[in-house]
């Protein structure tokens, strides 16, 4: 089985509708995909309808978290979307994303960048506003050559001149929230630049109920995958893989889609499905 457990649609910062993500997954030969939009479940129904009986859809979300003052992401799978506390926290995150994006646009204007809030909201549509939408507005206005070029210290990268921090849930609390909602929490890309999580921090999250590590990710080279696999086995965590596909928006600037490029071992997928309540 080919199993991609990390994809995004235009319900958050991807460029394709949930139905189009499913269509591309099918065309890429995937048997299973998870829709894991940032801090929202808005794309689930459309993706389910598009998947039908020809593709297994795992409902998920990528939750914004903090760990020791740094940003980390938690993949949550098969949780109850009606869980009151998880809904409350994800709503707080989404609301703060809007305030943050407005502040970033204001900072860009102070830096001489001709970007408007109307542009950003037009590009984002009904989706959860994120930095990629601001980056696309910057490219549209000619501030940068392409959206990927916006993610530098000169502009909106972490710590950049126009960067603004935002509300997020403490990672250990997020793990417990997902568990309480019947879901399976997996730490996303723990060795991606800017999102690095140490072995000791992973161990602490495992004590809080973390179920797995995303080992097979485009940002992880073979050496990191070996280390992360050993770490996961030592902590009895499952290992997952996913492309982190965002459609035509590729932060690296490669300009190509990657859905299905990274996959989850079938045995770990079975463990994940068994853990969900």
Protein backbone atom coordinates (compact mmCIF):
# COMPACT_ATOMS: atom_id res chain seq x y z
CA UNK A 1 0.00 0.00 0.00
CA UNK A 2 1.10 3.56 -0.72
CA UNK A 3 0.17 5.77 2.23
CA UNK A 4 0.78 9.54 2.34
CA UNK A 5 -0.25 10.90 5.75
CA UNK A 6 0.58 14.60 5.32
CA UNK A 7 -1.20 16.76 2.71
CA UNK A 8 -2.75 20.23 2.58
CA UNK A 9 -5.63 21.74 0.63
CA UNK A 10 -6.89 25.27 0.17
CA UNK A 11 -8.80 24.86 3.43
CA UNK A 12 -5.48 26.11 4.84
CA UNK A 13 -2.36 27.01 2.86
CA UNK A 14 -2.47 24.53 -0.01
CA UNK A 15 -3.44 25.65 -3.51
CA UNK A 16 -5.86 22.85 -4.47
CA UNK A 17 -9.35 22.06 -3.25
CA UNK A 18 -9.75 18.96 -1.04
CA UNK A 19 -11.38 17.16 -3.97
CA UNK A 20 -8.43 18.02 -6.22
CA UNK A 21 -5.98 16.75 -3.58
CA UNK A 22 -7.85 13.44 -3.60
CA UNK A 23 -7.84 13.34 -7.41
CA UNK A 24 -4.09 13.96 -7.54
CA UNK A 25 -3.50 11.32 -4.88
CA UNK A 26 -5.41 8.78 -6.91
CA UNK A 27 -3.47 9.76 -10.05
CA UNK A 28 -0.19 9.39 -8.11
CA UNK A 29 -1.09 5.81 -7.23
CA UNK A 30 -1.83 6.38 -3.55
CA UNK A 31 -4.05 3.95 -1.68
CA UNK A 32 -4.36 6.08 1.47
CA UNK A 33 -3.97 9.80 2.14
CA UNK A 34 -4.53 11.97 5.18
CA UNK A 35 -5.82 15.53 4.78
CA UNK A 36 -3.97 17.49 7.46
CA UNK A 37 -4.75 21.15 6.97
CA UNK A 38 -3.41 23.66 9.48
CA UNK A 39 -5.68 24.07 12.51
CA UNK A 40 -8.90 23.23 10.65
CA UNK A 41 -11.11 20.31 9.61
CA UNK A 42 -12.97 22.37 7.01
CA UNK A 43 -11.87 20.19 4.09
CA UNK A 44 -12.89 16.81 5.50
CA UNK A 45 -16.40 16.52 4.01
CA UNK A 46 -15.36 17.48 0.49
CA UNK A 47 -12.37 15.15 0.59
CA UNK A 48 -14.50 12.26 1.88
CA UNK A 49 -17.03 12.70 -0.89
CA UNK A 50 -14.28 12.82 -3.53
CA UNK A 51 -12.52 9.73 -2.13
CA UNK A 52 -15.61 7.54 -2.27
CA UNK A 53 -14.64 3.87 -2.24
CA UNK A 54 -11.56 4.22 -4.43
CA UNK A 55 -9.22 5.75 -1.84
CA UNK A 56 -8.93 5.56 1.94
CA UNK A 57 -9.08 9.03 3.46
CA UNK A 58 -7.69 9.52 6.96
CA UNK A 59 -9.14 12.70 8.51
CA UNK A 60 -6.47 14.76 10.21
CA UNK A 61 -5.17 18.19 11.13
CA UNK A 62 -1.76 19.82 11.63
CA UNK A 63 -2.00 21.65 14.93
CA UNK A 64 0.18 24.68 15.70
CA UNK A 65 2.10 24.22 18.95
CA UNK A 66 4.96 25.64 20.97
CA UNK A 67 7.76 23.76 22.72
CA UNK A 68 10.26 25.57 24.91
CA UNK A 69 9.54 28.85 23.14
CA UNK A 70 9.78 27.47 19.59
CA UNK A 71 7.16 26.59 17.00
CA UNK A 72 6.43 22.90 16.38
CA UNK A 73 3.64 21.12 14.54
CA UNK A 74 1.57 18.16 15.70
CA UNK A 75 -0.24 15.90 13.25
CA UNK A 76 -3.54 14.71 14.73
CA UNK A 77 -5.36 11.78 13.14
CA UNK A 78 -8.88 10.38 13.49
CA UNK A 79 -9.97 12.54 16.42
CA UNK A 80 -13.54 13.56 17.15
CA UNK A 81 -14.02 16.94 15.41
CA UNK A 82 -16.85 17.72 17.84
CA UNK A 83 -14.57 17.55 20.89
CA UNK A 84 -15.25 20.84 22.69
CA UNK A 85 -11.77 21.69 23.97
CA UNK A 86 -9.92 20.77 20.78
CA UNK A 87 -12.42 22.84 18.79
CA UNK A 88 -11.95 25.77 21.17
CA UNK A 89 -8.17 25.69 20.93
CA UNK A 90 -8.07 25.35 17.15
CA UNK A 91 -10.54 28.26 16.85
CA UNK A 92 -8.28 30.42 19.03
CA UNK A 93 -5.33 29.57 16.78
CA UNK A 94 -7.28 30.39 13.61
CA UNK A 95 -8.52 33.71 15.01
CA UNK A 96 -5.00 34.70 16.02
CA UNK A 97 -3.73 33.80 12.54
CA UNK A 98 -5.91 36.60 11.17
CA UNK A 99 -4.60 39.16 13.67
CA UNK A 100 -1.04 38.04 12.97
CA UNK A 101 -1.45 38.26 9.20
CA UNK A 102 -2.84 41.79 9.47
CA UNK A 103 0.17 42.82 11.57
CA UNK A 104 2.56 41.26 9.06
CA UNK A 105 0.94 43.14 6.18
CA UNK A 106 1.31 46.36 8.20
CA UNK A 107 4.99 45.64 8.81
CA UNK A 108 5.52 44.92 5.11
CA UNK A 109 3.95 48.27 4.28
CA UNK A 110 6.33 49.98 6.73
CA UNK A 111 9.19 48.28 4.88
CA UNK A 112 7.95 49.67 1.57
CA UNK A 113 6.31 46.51 0.27
CA UNK A 114 3.15 47.25 -1.73
CA UNK A 115 0.92 44.49 -0.32
CA UNK A 116 -2.66 45.00 0.85
CA UNK A 117 -4.89 43.09 3.25
CA UNK A 118 -7.51 42.85 0.48
CA UNK A 119 -4.97 40.98 -1.66
CA UNK A 120 -4.20 38.51 1.10
CA UNK A 121 -7.86 37.80 1.86
CA UNK A 122 -8.66 37.39 -1.85
CA UNK A 123 -5.86 34.84 -2.21
CA UNK A 124 -6.80 33.04 1.01
CA UNK A 125 -10.53 32.98 0.26
CA UNK A 126 -12.33 30.96 2.94
CA UNK A 127 -9.18 29.15 4.04
CA UNK A 128 -7.18 29.58 7.24
CA UNK A 129 -4.87 32.54 6.62
CA UNK A 130 -1.17 31.68 6.66
CA UNK A 131 2.18 33.06 5.61
CA UNK A 132 1.99 31.37 2.18
CA UNK A 133 -0.98 33.60 1.34
CA UNK A 134 1.06 36.67 2.24
CA UNK A 135 3.96 35.30 0.20
CA UNK A 136 1.72 34.89 -2.84
CA UNK A 137 0.48 38.46 -2.43
CA UNK A 138 4.09 39.66 -2.27
CA UNK A 139 4.91 37.81 -5.50
CA UNK A 140 1.74 39.13 -7.15
CA UNK A 141 2.78 42.70 -6.29
CA UNK A 142 6.33 42.18 -7.53
CA UNK A 143 7.90 42.54 -4.09
CA UNK A 144 9.61 39.17 -4.57
CA UNK A 145 10.21 37.04 -7.65
CA UNK A 146 8.15 34.10 -6.38
CA UNK A 147 6.40 33.12 -3.10
CA UNK A 148 9.37 31.07 -1.90
CA UNK A 149 11.54 34.21 -2.00
CA UNK A 150 9.36 35.78 0.69
CA UNK A 151 10.63 33.27 3.25
CA UNK A 152 13.88 35.02 4.10
CA UNK A 153 15.06 37.07 7.06
CA UNK A 154 14.48 40.16 4.93
CA UNK A 155 10.75 39.41 4.81
CA UNK A 156 8.47 36.87 6.53
CA UNK A 157 10.70 33.96 7.54
CA UNK A 158 10.92 33.15 11.27
CA UNK A 159 12.63 36.13 12.88
CA UNK A 160 12.39 38.13 9.66
CA UNK A 161 11.78 41.87 9.49
CA UNK A 162 8.03 41.41 8.91
CA UNK A 163 7.58 38.28 11.01
CA UNK A 164 4.99 38.29 13.80
CA UNK A 165 4.58 35.51 16.34
CA UNK A 166 1.17 33.96 17.04
CA UNK A 167 -0.84 31.99 19.57
CA UNK A 168 -0.26 28.24 19.71
CA UNK A 169 -0.91 25.41 22.16
CA UNK A 170 1.88 24.01 24.34
CA UNK A 171 2.95 20.79 22.62
CA UNK A 172 2.40 18.49 25.61
CA UNK A 173 -1.06 19.98 26.13
CA UNK A 174 -1.83 19.48 22.44
CA UNK A 175 -0.83 15.83 22.67
CA UNK A 176 -3.20 15.36 25.60
CA UNK A 177 -5.98 17.25 23.78
CA UNK A 178 -5.74 14.99 20.75
CA UNK A 179 -5.69 11.88 22.92
CA UNK A 180 -8.71 13.09 24.89
CA UNK A 181 -10.56 13.60 21.59
CA UNK A 182 -9.88 9.96 20.67
CA UNK A 183 -7.18 10.78 18.13
CA UNK A 184 -3.59 9.80 17.44
CA UNK A 185 -0.91 12.53 17.92
CA UNK A 186 2.24 12.34 15.77
CA UNK A 187 5.04 14.91 15.86
CA UNK A 188 5.43 16.48 12.41
CA UNK A 189 8.84 16.79 10.69
CA UNK A 190 10.86 16.95 13.94
CA UNK A 191 14.13 17.74 12.15
CA UNK A 192 12.91 20.31 9.62
CA UNK A 193 14.91 23.56 9.70
CA UNK A 194 13.31 25.86 12.23
CA UNK A 195 11.20 23.08 13.74
CA UNK A 196 13.93 20.90 15.25
CA UNK A 197 12.93 18.86 18.30
CA UNK A 198 15.62 17.18 20.39
CA UNK A 199 15.60 13.55 21.48
CA UNK A 200 15.00 14.67 25.06
CA UNK A 201 12.02 16.78 24.03
CA UNK A 202 10.57 13.88 22.03
CA UNK A 203 10.95 11.67 25.10
CA UNK A 204 9.06 14.23 27.18
CA UNK A 205 6.23 14.35 24.64
CA UNK A 206 6.12 10.55 24.58
CA UNK A 207 5.53 10.66 28.33
CA UNK A 208 2.60 13.02 27.68
CA UNK A 209 1.05 10.54 25.22
CA UNK A 210 2.71 11.18 21.86
CA UNK A 211 2.03 8.20 19.61
CA UNK A 212 4.48 8.65 16.74
CA UNK A 213 7.12 10.55 14.81
CA UNK A 214 6.95 11.68 11.19
CA UNK A 215 10.21 10.14 10.03
CA UNK A 216 9.75 10.03 6.25
CA UNK A 217 9.51 13.69 5.22
CA UNK A 218 11.15 15.67 2.39
CA UNK A 219 13.21 17.67 4.90
CA UNK A 220 14.79 14.57 6.47
CA UNK A 221 17.86 13.03 4.84
CA UNK A 222 18.76 9.36 5.18
CA UNK A 223 20.92 9.97 8.24
CA UNK A 224 18.11 11.74 10.11
CA UNK A 225 15.66 9.00 9.14
CA UNK A 226 17.92 6.34 10.64
CA UNK A 227 18.28 8.35 13.87
CA UNK A 228 14.58 9.11 14.13
CA UNK A 229 13.60 5.51 13.46
CA UNK A 230 15.90 4.33 16.25
CA UNK A 231 14.49 7.01 18.56
CA UNK A 232 10.92 5.99 17.75
CA UNK A 233 11.64 2.32 18.35
CA UNK A 234 13.33 3.08 21.66
CA UNK A 235 10.24 4.99 22.82
CA UNK A 236 7.72 2.53 21.30
CA UNK A 237 6.46 5.22 18.93
CA UNK A 238 5.13 4.47 15.47
CA UNK A 239 6.78 6.04 12.41
CA UNK A 240 4.88 7.85 9.68
CA UNK A 241 5.67 9.44 6.35
CA UNK A 242 4.08 12.14 4.24
CA UNK A 243 4.86 14.47 1.39
CA UNK A 244 3.66 17.66 3.16
CA UNK A 245 2.17 18.48 -0.23
CA UNK A 246 0.77 22.00 -0.69
CA UNK A 247 -0.20 21.75 -4.36
CA UNK A 248 1.60 24.21 -6.61
CA UNK A 249 3.06 26.11 -3.66
CA UNK A 250 6.43 24.60 -2.77
CA UNK A 251 8.39 26.53 -0.12
CA UNK A 252 11.70 25.32 -1.55
CA UNK A 253 10.91 27.04 -4.83
CA UNK A 254 11.15 23.79 -6.80
CA UNK A 255 7.85 24.56 -8.47
CA UNK A 256 6.66 20.95 -8.56
CA UNK A 257 4.13 18.98 -6.59
CA UNK A 258 5.29 16.10 -4.45
CA UNK A 259 2.18 14.22 -3.38
CA UNK A 260 3.09 10.60 -2.67
CA UNK A 261 6.82 11.31 -2.62
CA UNK A 262 7.02 10.12 1.00
CA UNK A 263 4.96 7.30 2.46
CA UNK A 264 4.16 5.54 5.74
CA UNK A 265 5.10 1.89 6.40
CA UNK A 266 1.98 -0.25 6.21
CA UNK A 267 2.57 -1.87 9.60
CA UNK A 268 2.80 1.54 11.29
CA UNK A 269 -0.34 2.69 9.52
CA UNK A 270 -2.19 -0.33 10.90
CA UNK A 271 -0.92 0.56 14.40
CA UNK A 272 -2.10 4.14 13.95
CA UNK A 273 -5.59 3.05 12.88
CA UNK A 274 -5.82 0.68 15.83
CA UNK A 275 -4.87 3.41 18.32
CA UNK A 276 -7.69 5.77 17.33
CA UNK A 277 -10.82 5.65 19.47
